[in-house]
Amino acid sequence: MKRREFLRNSTIGALGLGCLSPQLAQAYSDDRRAPIEPAKPAKNIIFMVSDGMSAGTLQMTDLLARRKYGRSSHWIRLYEEQRIRRALMDMRSADSLVTDSAAASSSWGGGVRVKNGRLNVGSDDQAYQPILQKFKDLGKAVGCVTTVPITHATPAGFCITDKSRSDQAKLAEKYLPLRFDVMLGGGLEYFTAEGRKDNIDLLAEFRQAGYGVAQTHAQLKKLQSSDSPILGVFHKAGLPFALDHAQDEQALRNVPSLADMTQFAIDRLKNQPEGFVIQVEGGKVDWAAHANDAAALLYDQLAFDDAIGVALEFAEQNNDTLLILTTDHGNANPGIILQDKVNQKFERVFDFRQTNEWILRGMHETPSSNALVERVEHALGFAIADDEAQSLIKRFNALNNEEQKDNYKLPFEYFGTIVAKYTAIGWAGTNHSADYVELAMFGPGSEMLKPFLLNTELHNFMLQATSANAPLVK
C-alpha cells in the first residue's frame, strides 16, 4: 500500500471515530459501561489520588527515594514487582480537554463528565448522586482524608453536589447532614465563626449533631474508639507542606501527616461489618506544581507515598481490600532536563529543608540580597547568585502589602526558574495539563482493569468491584 493511502486509511479513519453518529457514539459509550463481575468482591476500597501528579513527579520522587534513602517508592515498587494492574485514564471534563479537580473528582464520584468548576451537576443542572453517598446507603462506612481543605474539590467530588466548587463555607455546611464516618484535612476557616463571613460556629454545630471533632493530632487520637462520625480540621487552608511540617515543632505536635490520617481512618473503619470506602488525597502536590516549587512537590509526593505504604500494608494483610492509585490530572509537567552535571544538580534535592513557599513568605525578613541568599541556602542547601537575589527582591517589592501576603501574587514562577538552574528540574508551565494519567490497582477487582479507561468508568467499576446493589450510571 502506498504511504499516502496508508495515512488516509489509518489517520483519517481514526479521526473519523470522533465524528460518529450520535447513535454509534452512544453505543460505544454504553459498551464501556457494560456490567462486569469481579472474581471476588472487594469489601473495602481505598481510593488514593495524588492531585496534580504529572508523570515526572512520580518518576522524580522515586529517584529521590532511591538515591537518598536507598529504596524505591511504594508506587513504583508495585510496578517493579508486577503485583499491580496498571492503565492510562482519560480525564477530560465536559467542556475542556484540560480538567480541573472538581470535574475530575466528579467523573469518579458521580460517574459523568461535568463542566470544570462543578461538583456532580451536569450541563442540564441534573444532579448525580456521589459515590460515597451510594456506599453509605449500602451500609458501608465512608470518608475522606486530605492535605488540603476537606471542603476542597477532590473530596467534595466524592461527597456532594453543587453547581460551583468555589464557596467552601457552603460546602462545609453540606457535609453536616451526611454523617460520613471520617472526614480529615484542613480548611479550618470554613468551620469557625472567626473564619466564616456569616460568623456561624460550624464546629459547634457538628458537635451538637453528635460528631467527634478534632483540631489537633492529640484530640484525633482520643477519638480512635469513638462510635460517632468524626470531623478533623487541623489547619487553616491546606496543611503545611511536608518539608515545612518536618521543621516546625508546633506543627509536628498538632498537625497529623497524611500517613497518620490514613492510618487513623483505616483503624477507625476496619471493623465495620459491611466494609468501608475512603478517598485519600495528597492535595498539596497540586499546589506545589502550580507554584513550580520542586521542594514542596517532591516531598509532598513522598508523603503521599508514605500514605500508600500504610494503605498497602492493610491491603496486603486483608485480601478483601481494593487499593486504587491515581491522579486527577497533570500539572506543570516537571521533569529532569539534561544539562551539565545533571545528576549532581538533581541530588541537591537531598538537602532541601524548606519549600520555596517558606522562602518567599518570609522575604519581608530579608531586605538585602545577602540576607536572601542566606535564606535560600538555609532552605535549599545552595546559594543563588547575588544578581538573582536582587532580581527576586525587586519583584517582591513591586507588590503592595496585601499582595505580599497572597500566595497567588508572590513570584513563584520566577523563583522556580532560578531554582531550576541549580537542580535541573524544569517546568512546562504553572497550570493543569491534559495528560492521560496513571491508574493502578491492587487487590480484589483489579483483574477487571482494562489498559485504558475513561474517567467516568471508575464510578461503575468501584460499585461492580464490591458487587454493590446500587444503581449504575448509564
Protein backbone atom coordinates (compact mmCIF):
# COMPACT_ATOMS: atom_id res chain seq x y z
CA MET A 1 0.00 0.00 0.00
CA LYS A 2 1.31 3.44 -0.86
CA ARG A 3 2.28 5.66 2.05
CA ARG A 4 -0.32 8.30 1.16
CA GLU A 5 -3.09 5.72 1.03
CA PHE A 6 -1.95 4.22 4.32
CA LEU A 7 -2.08 7.59 6.03
CA ARG A 8 -5.51 8.27 4.56
CA ASN A 9 -6.85 4.89 5.69
CA SER A 10 -5.31 4.98 9.14
CA THR A 11 -5.04 8.55 10.37
CA ILE A 12 -8.17 9.93 8.75
CA GLY A 13 -10.04 6.77 9.61
CA ALA A 14 -9.04 7.15 13.22
CA LEU A 15 -10.09 10.78 13.22
CA GLY A 16 -13.42 9.64 11.93
CA LEU A 17 -14.10 7.97 15.27
CA GLY A 18 -14.64 11.45 16.64
CA CYS A 19 -17.37 12.03 14.07
CA LEU A 20 -19.56 9.02 14.79
CA SER A 21 -23.30 9.41 14.58
CA PRO A 22 -24.98 10.05 17.96
CA GLN A 23 -26.41 6.52 17.86
CA LEU A 24 -22.99 4.88 17.30
CA ALA A 25 -21.30 7.14 19.84
CA GLN A 26 -23.92 6.19 22.43
CA ALA A 27 -23.46 2.51 21.65
CA TYR A 28 -19.72 2.89 22.18
CA SER A 29 -20.33 4.63 25.50
CA ASP A 30 -22.83 2.01 26.62
CA ASP A 31 -20.40 -0.78 25.75
CA ARG A 32 -17.75 0.73 28.05
CA ARG A 33 -20.28 0.80 30.88
CA ALA A 34 -21.40 -2.82 30.39
CA PRO A 35 -21.69 -4.76 33.69
CA ILE A 36 -18.59 -6.61 34.80
CA GLU A 37 -18.11 -9.14 37.58
CA PRO A 38 -15.07 -9.43 39.86
CA ALA A 39 -13.60 -12.84 40.58
CA LYS A 40 -14.04 -11.96 44.25
CA PRO A 41 -15.92 -8.92 45.55
CA ALA A 42 -13.96 -6.30 47.45
CA LYS A 43 -15.26 -5.49 50.91
CA ASN A 44 -13.24 -2.28 51.20
CA ILE A 45 -11.89 0.32 48.77
CA ILE A 46 -9.04 2.73 49.48
CA PHE A 47 -9.01 5.27 46.65
CA MET A 48 -5.78 7.30 46.67
CA VAL A 49 -5.29 10.35 44.46
CA SER A 50 -2.16 12.49 44.26
CA ASP A 51 -3.75 15.68 42.99
CA GLY A 52 -1.90 17.25 40.05
CA MET A 53 0.71 14.49 39.78
CA SER A 54 2.41 14.58 36.39
CA ALA A 55 4.40 11.56 35.24
CA GLY A 56 7.62 13.44 36.01
CA THR A 57 6.51 13.94 39.61
CA LEU A 58 6.06 10.21 40.11
CA GLN A 59 9.40 9.43 38.46
CA MET A 60 11.45 12.11 40.26
CA THR A 61 10.04 11.10 43.64
CA ASP A 62 11.06 7.52 43.02
CA LEU A 63 14.57 8.71 42.09
CA LEU A 64 14.67 10.80 45.26
CA ALA A 65 13.69 7.79 47.37
CA ARG A 66 16.25 5.53 45.70
CA ARG A 67 19.19 7.91 45.70
CA LYS A 68 18.62 9.50 49.11
CA TYR A 69 17.05 6.69 51.13
CA GLY A 70 18.20 3.60 49.23
CA ARG A 71 14.71 2.33 48.46
CA SER A 72 12.13 2.68 45.73
CA SER A 73 8.80 4.40 46.25
CA HIS A 74 5.92 2.11 47.21
CA TRP A 75 4.09 3.01 43.99
CA ILE A 76 6.95 2.14 41.63
CA ARG A 77 7.91 -0.93 43.67
CA LEU A 78 4.48 -2.36 42.94
CA TYR A 79 5.20 -1.88 39.24
CA GLU A 80 8.65 -3.46 39.55
CA GLU A 81 7.31 -6.48 41.37
CA GLN A 82 4.41 -6.79 38.91
CA ARG A 83 1.91 -7.06 41.75
CA ILE A 84 -0.41 -4.39 40.49
CA ARG A 85 -2.59 -3.74 37.44
CA ARG A 86 -1.79 -0.59 35.50
CA ALA A 87 -3.70 1.55 33.00
CA LEU A 88 -3.93 5.01 31.49
CA MET A 89 -7.03 7.13 32.05
CA ASP A 90 -8.54 9.97 30.02
CA MET A 91 -9.50 12.76 32.44
CA ARG A 92 -11.27 15.25 30.13
CA SER A 93 -14.10 17.32 31.58
CA ALA A 94 -17.38 18.06 29.79
CA ASP A 95 -16.13 21.39 28.45
CA SER A 96 -12.35 21.08 28.20
CA LEU A 97 -9.51 18.76 27.28
CA VAL A 98 -7.87 20.02 30.49
CA THR A 99 -9.87 19.21 33.59
CA ASP A 100 -9.96 20.92 36.94
CA SER A 101 -10.13 18.94 40.17
CA ALA A 102 -13.88 19.41 40.64
CA ALA A 103 -14.81 17.95 37.27
CA ALA A 104 -12.17 15.23 37.63
CA SER A 105 -13.38 14.04 41.01
CA SER A 106 -16.99 14.31 39.85
CA SER A 107 -16.25 11.99 36.94
CA TRP A 108 -15.34 9.34 39.51
CA GLY A 109 -17.82 10.44 42.17
CA GLY A 110 -20.93 10.91 40.03
CA GLY A 111 -19.93 8.85 37.02
CA VAL A 112 -20.46 11.61 34.46
CA ARG A 113 -18.35 14.33 32.88
CA VAL A 114 -19.33 17.77 34.14
CA LYS A 115 -18.02 21.23 33.32
CA ASN A 116 -14.93 22.48 35.11
CA GLY A 117 -15.85 24.01 38.45
CA ARG A 118 -18.95 21.88 39.02
CA LEU A 119 -19.47 19.11 41.55
CA ASN A 120 -21.62 16.28 40.19
CA VAL A 121 -24.02 18.65 38.44
CA GLY A 122 -24.39 18.22 34.69
CA SER A 123 -24.81 20.84 31.99
CA ASP A 124 -28.57 20.41 32.23
CA ASP A 125 -28.34 21.02 36.01
CA GLN A 126 -29.14 17.39 36.71
CA ALA A 127 -27.55 16.27 39.98
CA TYR A 128 -25.80 12.90 40.17
CA GLN A 129 -25.53 11.09 43.48
CA PRO A 130 -21.87 10.96 44.61
CA ILE A 131 -20.38 7.54 45.17
CA LEU A 132 -19.73 7.89 48.90
CA GLN A 133 -23.42 8.63 49.40
CA LYS A 134 -24.22 5.46 47.44
CA PHE A 135 -21.86 3.36 49.53
CA LYS A 136 -23.19 4.93 52.74
CA ASP A 137 -26.72 3.98 51.70
CA LEU A 138 -25.48 0.40 51.23
CA GLY A 139 -24.25 0.28 54.82
CA LYS A 140 -20.53 0.84 54.27
CA ALA A 141 -18.51 3.24 56.37
CA VAL A 142 -17.17 6.11 54.24
CA GLY A 143 -14.87 9.11 54.46
CA CYS A 144 -12.20 11.36 53.04
CA VAL A 145 -8.66 12.25 54.10
CA THR A 146 -6.74 15.14 52.52
CA THR A 147 -3.87 17.58 52.98
CA VAL A 148 -5.95 20.48 51.63
CA PRO A 149 -9.29 21.78 52.95
CA ILE A 150 -11.71 18.90 53.46
CA THR A 151 -14.15 21.08 51.51
CA HIS A 152 -11.80 21.27 48.50
CA ALA A 153 -12.76 19.99 45.07
CA THR A 154 -11.37 16.45 45.20
CA PRO A 155 -13.01 15.28 48.43
CA ALA A 156 -16.15 17.26 47.59
CA GLY A 157 -16.49 15.41 44.29
CA PHE A 158 -16.90 12.14 46.17
CA CYS A 159 -19.32 13.61 48.72
CA ILE A 160 -21.74 16.28 47.49
CA THR A 161 -23.39 18.03 44.55
CA ASP A 162 -23.17 21.73 43.81
CA LYS A 163 -23.07 23.97 40.76
CA SER A 164 -19.83 25.52 41.98
CA ARG A 165 -16.78 24.36 43.92
CA SER A 166 -15.98 27.91 44.98
CA ASP A 167 -18.00 28.59 48.14
CA GLN A 168 -16.25 26.21 50.51
CA ALA A 169 -18.07 27.61 53.53
CA LYS A 170 -21.34 26.49 51.94
CA LEU A 171 -19.86 23.12 51.06
CA ALA A 172 -18.85 22.66 54.70
CA GLU A 173 -22.50 23.07 55.68
CA LYS A 174 -23.47 20.36 53.18
CA TYR A 175 -21.23 17.87 54.95
CA LEU A 176 -23.10 18.19 58.26
CA PRO A 177 -26.22 16.08 57.46
CA LEU A 178 -24.23 13.41 55.59
CA ARG A 179 -22.72 11.98 58.80
CA PHE A 180 -19.82 10.44 56.94
CA ASP A 181 -17.70 8.37 59.29
CA VAL A 182 -14.32 10.09 58.91
CA MET A 183 -13.54 13.47 57.33
CA LEU A 184 -9.99 14.73 57.96
CA GLY A 185 -7.99 17.62 56.49
CA GLY A 186 -7.55 21.38 56.53
CA GLY A 187 -9.89 24.30 55.90
CA LEU A 188 -10.45 25.45 59.47
CA GLU A 189 -11.62 28.87 58.28
CA TYR A 190 -14.75 27.32 56.74
CA PHE A 191 -15.86 25.84 60.06
CA THR A 192 -15.12 28.55 62.65
CA ALA A 193 -17.08 31.68 63.48
CA GLU A 194 -13.89 33.72 63.11
CA GLY A 195 -13.24 32.46 59.61
CA ARG A 196 -16.76 32.44 58.17
CA LYS A 197 -18.43 35.57 56.80
CA ASP A 198 -21.72 34.58 58.47
CA ASN A 199 -19.95 34.13 61.85
CA ILE A 200 -21.54 30.70 62.33
CA ASP A 201 -19.59 28.33 64.57
CA LEU A 202 -19.99 25.29 62.35
CA LEU A 203 -17.67 23.19 64.53
CA ALA A 204 -20.14 23.68 67.39
CA GLU A 205 -22.97 22.55 65.11
CA PHE A 206 -21.05 19.40 64.21
CA ARG A 207 -20.53 18.69 67.92
CA GLN A 208 -24.19 19.29 68.67
CA ALA A 209 -25.09 16.85 65.88
CA GLY A 210 -23.08 14.13 67.61
CA TYR A 211 -19.78 14.34 65.74
CA GLY A 212 -16.44 13.85 67.39
CA VAL A 213 -14.45 16.96 66.44
CA ALA A 214 -10.66 17.21 66.49
CA GLN A 215 -8.43 20.20 65.82
CA THR A 216 -5.13 18.62 66.88
CA HIS A 217 -3.43 15.28 66.42
CA ALA A 218 -3.80 14.52 70.14
CA GLN A 219 -7.55 15.21 70.01
CA LEU A 220 -7.84 12.93 67.00
CA LYS A 221 -6.11 10.04 68.80
CA LYS A 222 -8.63 10.32 71.63
CA LEU A 223 -11.44 9.70 69.13
CA GLN A 224 -10.00 6.39 67.86
CA SER A 225 -12.51 4.28 69.79
CA SER A 226 -15.46 6.64 69.29
CA ASP A 227 -18.59 5.35 67.57
CA SER A 228 -19.50 8.85 66.40
CA PRO A 229 -18.79 10.28 62.96
CA ILE A 230 -15.52 12.20 63.11
CA LEU A 231 -14.52 15.58 61.70
CA GLY A 232 -10.88 16.56 61.98
CA VAL A 233 -9.87 20.03 60.80
CA PHE A 234 -6.24 20.73 61.68
CA HIS A 235 -5.12 23.87 59.91
CA LYS A 236 -6.30 26.96 58.09
CA ALA A 237 -6.33 26.35 54.32
CA GLY A 238 -4.13 23.38 53.42
CA LEU A 239 -1.94 21.55 55.90
CA PRO A 240 1.73 22.60 55.88
CA PHE A 241 3.86 21.18 53.10
CA ALA A 242 5.60 18.02 54.31
CA LEU A 243 9.06 19.61 54.19
CA ASP A 244 7.99 22.66 56.21
CA HIS A 245 5.97 20.45 58.57
CA ALA A 246 9.12 18.49 59.44
CA GLN A 247 10.91 21.70 60.54
CA ASP A 248 8.04 23.08 62.65
CA GLU A 249 7.85 21.69 66.20
CA GLN A 250 4.34 23.03 66.79
CA ALA A 251 3.08 21.55 63.54
CA LEU A 252 4.73 18.22 64.34
CA ARG A 253 2.81 18.16 67.64
CA ASN A 254 -0.56 19.34 66.37
CA VAL A 255 -0.94 18.51 62.68
CA PRO A 256 -1.06 14.86 61.61
CA SER A 257 0.68 13.77 58.43
CA LEU A 258 -1.23 12.23 55.55
CA ALA A 259 0.09 8.81 56.60
CA ASP A 260 -1.11 9.46 60.18
CA MET A 261 -4.60 10.40 58.98
CA THR A 262 -4.74 7.42 56.61
CA GLN A 263 -3.76 5.06 59.43
CA PHE A 264 -6.38 6.60 61.71
CA ALA A 265 -9.12 6.26 59.09
CA ILE A 266 -8.28 2.62 58.36
CA ASP A 267 -8.05 1.69 62.05
CA ARG A 268 -11.29 3.51 62.76
CA LEU A 269 -13.22 1.77 59.97
CA LYS A 270 -11.59 -1.63 59.51
CA ASN A 271 -14.04 -3.49 61.76
CA GLN A 272 -17.17 -2.24 60.03
CA PRO A 273 -19.21 -5.36 59.17
CA GLU A 274 -20.15 -4.12 55.69
CA GLY A 275 -16.69 -2.72 54.99
CA PHE A 276 -15.54 0.80 54.15
CA VAL A 277 -14.70 3.11 51.25
CA ILE A 278 -12.34 6.06 51.74
CA GLN A 279 -10.71 8.60 49.47
CA VAL A 280 -7.17 9.69 50.41
CA GLU A 281 -5.79 12.79 48.66
CA GLY A 282 -2.32 14.26 48.52
CA GLY A 283 -3.80 17.62 47.63
CA LYS A 284 -0.79 19.86 48.06
CA VAL A 285 1.16 18.08 45.33
CA ASP A 286 -1.06 20.12 43.01
CA TRP A 287 -0.43 23.36 44.92
CA ALA A 288 3.32 22.80 44.71
CA ALA A 289 3.14 22.18 40.96
CA HIS A 290 1.18 25.41 40.41
CA ALA A 291 3.99 27.22 42.25
CA ASN A 292 6.82 25.44 40.40
CA ASP A 293 8.09 24.58 43.89
CA ALA A 294 10.29 21.50 43.48
CA ALA A 295 10.98 21.18 47.22
CA ALA A 296 7.30 21.17 48.10
CA LEU A 297 6.35 18.94 45.17
CA LEU A 298 8.80 16.09 45.71
CA TYR A 299 8.49 15.83 49.46
CA ASP A 300 4.69 16.06 49.43
CA GLN A 301 4.62 13.33 46.80
CA LEU A 302 6.93 11.34 49.08
CA ALA A 303 4.49 11.95 51.95
CA PHE A 304 1.70 10.67 49.72
CA ASP A 305 3.83 7.61 49.02
CA ASP A 306 4.18 7.08 52.78
CA ALA A 307 0.38 7.01 52.97
CA ILE A 308 0.40 4.44 50.15
CA GLY A 309 2.65 2.34 52.37
CA VAL A 310 0.06 2.46 55.17
CA ALA A 311 -2.79 1.53 52.84
CA LEU A 312 -0.76 -1.16 51.08
CA GLU A 313 0.18 -2.83 54.36
CA PHE A 314 -3.51 -3.10 55.25
CA ALA A 315 -4.46 -4.34 51.78
CA GLU A 316 -1.69 -6.97 51.84
CA GLN A 317 -2.86 -8.24 55.22
CA ASN A 318 -6.54 -8.19 54.24
CA ASN A 319 -7.30 -9.78 50.89
CA ASP A 320 -10.73 -8.14 50.80
CA THR A 321 -9.44 -4.60 50.07
CA LEU A 322 -9.09 -2.94 46.66
CA LEU A 323 -6.38 -0.27 46.59
CA ILE A 324 -6.65 2.29 43.77
CA LEU A 325 -3.78 4.69 42.98
CA THR A 326 -4.22 7.57 40.54
CA THR A 327 -4.16 11.31 39.92
CA ASP A 328 -6.81 13.64 38.56
CA HIS A 329 -4.61 15.50 36.05
CA GLY A 330 -1.05 16.54 35.37
CA ASN A 331 0.17 19.93 36.49
CA ALA A 332 3.11 21.94 35.15
CA ASN A 333 4.67 18.71 33.80
CA PRO A 334 8.01 18.92 35.66
CA GLY A 335 10.98 16.78 34.78
CA ILE A 336 14.74 16.44 34.95
CA ILE A 337 16.18 18.29 31.94
CA LEU A 338 19.55 17.25 30.52
CA GLN A 339 22.33 19.73 31.25
CA ASP A 340 25.88 19.75 32.57
CA LYS A 341 26.29 17.76 35.83
CA VAL A 342 22.61 16.84 35.77
CA ASN A 343 22.98 14.03 38.34
CA GLN A 344 24.72 16.23 40.88
CA LYS A 345 22.25 19.05 40.34
CA PHE A 346 19.23 16.81 40.90
CA GLU A 347 20.81 15.37 44.03
CA ARG A 348 20.69 18.83 45.58
CA VAL A 349 17.09 17.95 46.42
CA PHE A 350 18.55 15.65 49.12
CA ASP A 351 19.47 18.74 51.16
CA PHE A 352 16.17 20.60 50.90
CA ARG A 353 14.94 21.71 54.34
CA GLN A 354 12.18 24.18 53.46
CA THR A 355 9.99 24.96 50.48
CA ASN A 356 10.01 27.89 48.07
CA GLU A 357 6.83 28.99 49.82
CA TRP A 358 8.69 29.25 53.13
CA ILE A 359 11.37 31.32 51.41
CA LEU A 360 9.02 33.72 49.65
CA ARG A 361 6.57 34.16 52.50
CA GLY A 362 9.48 35.25 54.70
CA MET A 363 11.02 37.70 52.27
CA HIS A 364 9.99 40.67 54.37
CA GLU A 365 12.70 39.42 56.76
CA THR A 366 15.37 39.60 54.02
CA PRO A 367 15.67 43.23 52.87
CA SER A 368 19.15 42.71 51.43
CA SER A 369 20.34 40.36 48.72
CA ASN A 370 22.90 38.86 51.12
CA ALA A 371 20.17 38.01 53.60
CA LEU A 372 18.05 36.42 50.87
CA VAL A 373 20.99 34.37 49.61
CA GLU A 374 21.48 33.08 53.16
CA ARG A 375 17.76 32.26 53.48
CA VAL A 376 17.78 30.29 50.25
CA GLU A 377 20.94 28.45 51.24
CA HIS A 378 19.41 27.53 54.60
CA ALA A 379 16.25 26.26 52.92
CA LEU A 380 17.58 24.54 49.80
CA GLY A 381 21.23 23.85 50.59
CA PHE A 382 22.76 26.02 47.89
CA ALA A 383 23.35 29.74 47.37
CA ILE A 384 21.85 31.60 44.44
CA ALA A 385 23.78 34.39 42.73
CA ASP A 386 23.58 37.92 44.11
CA ASP A 387 22.01 39.29 40.92
CA GLU A 388 19.35 36.57 41.09
CA ALA A 389 18.58 37.56 44.68
CA GLN A 390 18.39 41.24 43.74
CA SER A 391 16.01 40.47 40.86
CA LEU A 392 13.78 38.40 43.14
CA ILE A 393 13.71 41.18 45.75
CA LYS A 394 12.77 43.69 43.05
CA ARG A 395 9.78 41.57 42.02
CA PHE A 396 8.72 41.10 45.63
CA ASN A 397 8.99 44.82 46.45
CA ALA A 398 6.83 45.66 43.43
CA LEU A 399 3.90 44.04 45.28
CA ASN A 400 1.85 46.01 47.78
CA ASN A 401 1.48 44.85 51.39
CA GLU A 402 -1.64 42.78 50.71
CA GLU A 403 -0.18 41.19 47.61
CA GLN A 404 2.92 40.18 49.56
CA LYS A 405 0.63 38.09 51.81
CA ASP A 406 -1.13 36.45 48.85
CA ASN A 407 0.41 33.24 47.55
CA TYR A 408 -1.19 33.83 44.16
CA LYS A 409 0.77 37.09 43.79
CA LEU A 410 4.19 36.02 45.02
CA PRO A 411 6.85 35.48 42.32
CA PHE A 412 6.80 31.68 42.49
CA GLU A 413 7.19 31.12 38.77
CA TYR A 414 10.20 33.40 38.51
CA PHE A 415 11.84 31.85 41.55
CA GLY A 416 11.15 28.41 40.06
CA THR A 417 13.22 29.34 37.01
CA ILE A 418 16.11 30.34 39.28
CA VAL A 419 15.96 27.09 41.27
CA ALA A 420 15.75 25.08 38.03
CA LYS A 421 19.27 26.22 37.09
CA TYR A 422 20.63 24.58 40.24
CA THR A 423 18.50 21.39 40.32
CA ALA A 424 17.96 20.55 36.60
CA ILE A 425 14.22 20.32 37.34
CA GLY A 426 12.33 22.14 34.60
CA TRP A 427 8.66 23.06 34.26
CA ALA A 428 6.29 23.31 31.29
CA GLY A 429 4.12 25.98 32.93
CA THR A 430 2.15 26.66 36.09
CA ASN A 431 -1.19 25.01 35.37
CA HIS A 432 -3.03 21.76 34.72
CA SER A 433 -2.25 19.67 31.66
CA ALA A 434 -4.31 17.28 29.53
CA ASP A 435 -2.19 14.18 30.19
CA TYR A 436 -3.59 10.68 30.23
CA VAL A 437 -2.94 9.79 33.87
CA GLU A 438 -1.62 6.81 35.78
CA LEU A 439 -4.19 4.40 37.21
CA ALA A 440 -3.11 1.35 39.19
CA MET A 441 -4.98 -1.21 41.30
CA PHE A 442 -4.08 -3.86 43.85
CA GLY A 443 -6.45 -6.43 45.35
CA PRO A 444 -9.83 -7.96 44.53
CA GLY A 445 -11.46 -6.44 41.47
CA SER A 446 -8.17 -5.26 40.00
CA GLU A 447 -8.28 -8.09 37.47
CA MET A 448 -11.13 -6.24 35.74
CA LEU A 449 -8.93 -3.23 34.94
CA LYS A 450 -8.50 -2.56 31.22
CA PRO A 451 -5.34 -0.90 29.83
CA PHE A 452 -7.23 2.32 29.02
CA LEU A 453 -10.24 3.88 30.75
CA LEU A 454 -12.40 6.94 30.54
CA ASN A 455 -12.53 8.72 33.90
CA THR A 456 -16.27 8.14 34.23
CA GLU A 457 -15.83 4.37 34.07
CA LEU A 458 -14.30 4.29 37.54
CA HIS A 459 -17.65 5.06 39.17
CA ASN A 460 -19.34 1.89 37.95
CA PHE A 461 -16.08 -0.01 38.32
CA MET A 462 -15.98 0.62 42.07
CA LEU A 463 -19.62 -0.35 42.50
CA GLN A 464 -19.11 -3.52 40.50
CA ALA A 465 -15.86 -4.40 42.25
CA THR A 466 -17.77 -4.54 45.55
CA SER A 467 -20.80 -6.23 43.90
CA ALA A 468 -22.80 -3.36 45.35
CA ASN A 469 -26.54 -3.41 44.84
CA ALA A 470 -26.56 0.21 43.73
CA PRO A 471 -27.75 1.84 40.50
CA LEU A 472 -25.05 2.09 37.86
CA VAL A 473 -24.65 5.21 35.74
CA LYS A 474 -25.70 4.54 32.16
